[in-house]
Amino acid sequence: MIANEVKLSALVTDWDKVPVTEPSPGIKRQMIVGENVMICRFTFEPFLETPQHTHPHEQMTLVAKGKVRFFIDGVETIVSAGDVLHFPPHNLHGATMMDEEVVLIDIFSPIREDFLT
């Protein structure tokens, strides 16, 4: 093992044990970070908007609770609990939460280094 290398071990946990941060008002984020992949649970207040953006990461999103109006490459799509979305790298997307709290599970590969700072 290289001197600065960290060995990751298997993990079994539940979301209640994962620290919660608030990256901006109305958004709560929890993260579990692996070597090449990360999973985040986001909780959004009703009517909150996330601006359209791109990133070099591949992203899968599971809508765990609520309804969301997504804008994907300029096309509006309304999704609800149980729906899964896939965003290839550099795909333009953003979302507006509808009239209830929304919980999204996002999986990113590679990990979002920008979330770690």
Protein backbone atom coordinates (compact mmCIF):
# COMPACT_ATOMS: atom_id res chain seq x y z
CA MET A 1 0.00 0.00 0.00
CA ILE A 2 1.29 3.49 -0.91
CA ALA A 3 2.03 5.81 2.06
CA ASN A 4 -0.89 8.23 1.40
CA GLU A 5 -3.30 5.54 0.25
CA VAL A 6 -6.32 4.88 2.45
CA LYS A 7 -7.81 1.39 2.52
CA LEU A 8 -11.59 1.46 2.43
CA SER A 9 -13.56 -1.25 4.16
CA ALA A 10 -17.08 -2.52 3.65
CA LEU A 11 -19.84 -0.44 5.22
CA VAL A 12 -23.31 -1.23 6.45
CA THR A 13 -25.23 1.74 7.84
CA ASP A 14 -28.53 3.57 7.72
CA TRP A 15 -29.20 7.18 6.77
CA ASP A 16 -29.94 8.14 10.40
CA LYS A 17 -26.23 7.62 11.17
CA VAL A 18 -24.93 9.67 8.22
CA PRO A 19 -24.05 13.32 9.00
CA VAL A 20 -26.33 15.98 7.51
CA THR A 21 -24.99 19.18 5.96
CA GLU A 22 -26.89 22.12 4.50
CA PRO A 23 -25.00 23.18 1.36
CA SER A 24 -27.53 25.99 0.79
CA PRO A 25 -30.82 27.10 2.37
CA GLY A 26 -33.60 24.55 1.92
CA ILE A 27 -31.26 21.70 0.95
CA LYS A 28 -29.98 18.96 3.27
CA ARG A 29 -27.32 16.56 2.01
CA GLN A 30 -25.95 13.27 3.33
CA MET A 31 -23.06 11.48 1.61
CA ILE A 32 -21.48 8.06 1.66
CA VAL A 33 -18.25 8.11 -0.32
CA GLY A 34 -16.46 5.13 -1.81
CA GLU A 35 -13.32 4.89 -3.88
CA ASN A 36 -14.96 5.48 -7.30
CA VAL A 37 -18.61 6.14 -6.51
CA MET A 38 -20.65 8.16 -4.04
CA ILE A 39 -24.27 8.15 -2.98
CA CYS A 40 -26.01 11.25 -1.67
CA ARG A 41 -29.40 11.70 -0.10
CA PHE A 42 -30.81 15.17 -0.68
CA THR A 43 -33.88 16.58 1.06
CA PHE A 44 -35.37 19.67 -0.59
CA GLU A 45 -38.00 22.08 0.70
CA PRO A 46 -41.11 22.52 -1.49
CA PHE A 47 -40.75 24.83 -4.50
CA LEU A 48 -36.96 24.99 -4.22
CA GLU A 49 -35.17 25.35 -7.55
CA THR A 50 -31.79 23.96 -8.52
CA PRO A 51 -30.32 25.84 -11.49
CA GLN A 52 -29.57 24.00 -14.70
CA HIS A 53 -25.97 22.83 -14.73
CA THR A 54 -23.58 20.22 -16.07
CA HIS A 55 -20.73 18.25 -14.53
CA PRO A 56 -18.30 15.61 -15.77
CA HIS A 57 -19.78 12.95 -13.48
CA GLU A 58 -22.25 10.28 -14.51
CA GLN A 59 -25.33 10.56 -12.29
CA MET A 60 -28.25 8.29 -11.44
CA THR A 61 -31.14 9.77 -9.44
CA LEU A 62 -33.88 7.89 -7.61
CA VAL A 63 -36.88 9.94 -6.53
CA ALA A 64 -37.57 8.57 -3.05
CA LYS A 65 -40.28 11.07 -2.05
CA GLY A 66 -42.26 13.85 -3.69
CA LYS A 67 -42.64 15.25 -7.20
CA VAL A 68 -40.01 17.14 -9.18
CA ARG A 69 -40.08 19.11 -12.42
CA PHE A 70 -36.77 18.28 -14.12
CA PHE A 71 -35.35 20.14 -17.07
CA ILE A 72 -33.11 17.80 -19.06
CA ASP A 73 -31.42 19.24 -22.13
CA GLY A 74 -34.19 21.86 -22.24
CA VAL A 75 -37.04 19.33 -22.02
CA GLU A 76 -39.39 19.49 -19.03
CA THR A 77 -40.27 16.19 -17.35
CA ILE A 78 -42.26 15.67 -14.14
CA VAL A 79 -41.13 12.70 -12.06
CA SER A 80 -42.34 11.27 -8.76
CA ALA A 81 -41.42 8.73 -6.09
CA GLY A 82 -40.10 5.53 -7.65
CA ASP A 83 -38.83 7.14 -10.86
CA VAL A 84 -35.16 6.82 -11.82
CA LEU A 85 -33.21 9.25 -13.98
CA HIS A 86 -29.84 8.82 -15.69
CA PHE A 87 -27.65 11.80 -16.55
CA PRO A 88 -24.59 11.02 -18.69
CA PRO A 89 -21.49 13.17 -18.10
CA HIS A 90 -21.89 16.81 -19.23
CA ASN A 91 -25.70 16.50 -19.54
CA LEU A 92 -27.55 19.79 -18.90
CA HIS A 93 -30.10 19.36 -16.11
CA GLY A 94 -31.84 21.20 -13.28
CA ALA A 95 -34.97 20.80 -11.18
CA THR A 96 -37.80 22.56 -9.41
CA MET A 97 -39.43 20.84 -6.45
CA MET A 98 -43.20 20.79 -6.54
CA ASP A 99 -45.56 21.42 -3.61
CA GLU A 100 -44.10 18.95 -1.09
CA GLU A 101 -40.78 17.96 0.45
CA VAL A 102 -38.63 16.00 -1.99
CA VAL A 103 -36.03 13.34 -1.23
CA LEU A 104 -33.62 12.34 -4.00
CA ILE A 105 -30.96 9.64 -3.90
CA ASP A 106 -28.12 10.59 -6.26
CA ILE A 107 -25.31 8.26 -7.25
CA PHE A 108 -22.23 9.79 -8.86
CA SER A 109 -19.21 8.28 -10.57
CA PRO A 110 -16.51 9.34 -10.21
CA ILE A 111 -17.06 10.93 -6.82
CA ARG A 112 -17.98 14.61 -6.66
CA GLU A 113 -14.80 16.08 -5.24
CA ASP A 114 -16.55 19.49 -5.17
CA PHE A 115 -19.00 18.11 -2.59
CA LEU A 116 -16.15 17.14 -0.26
CA THR A 117 -14.84 20.69 0.29
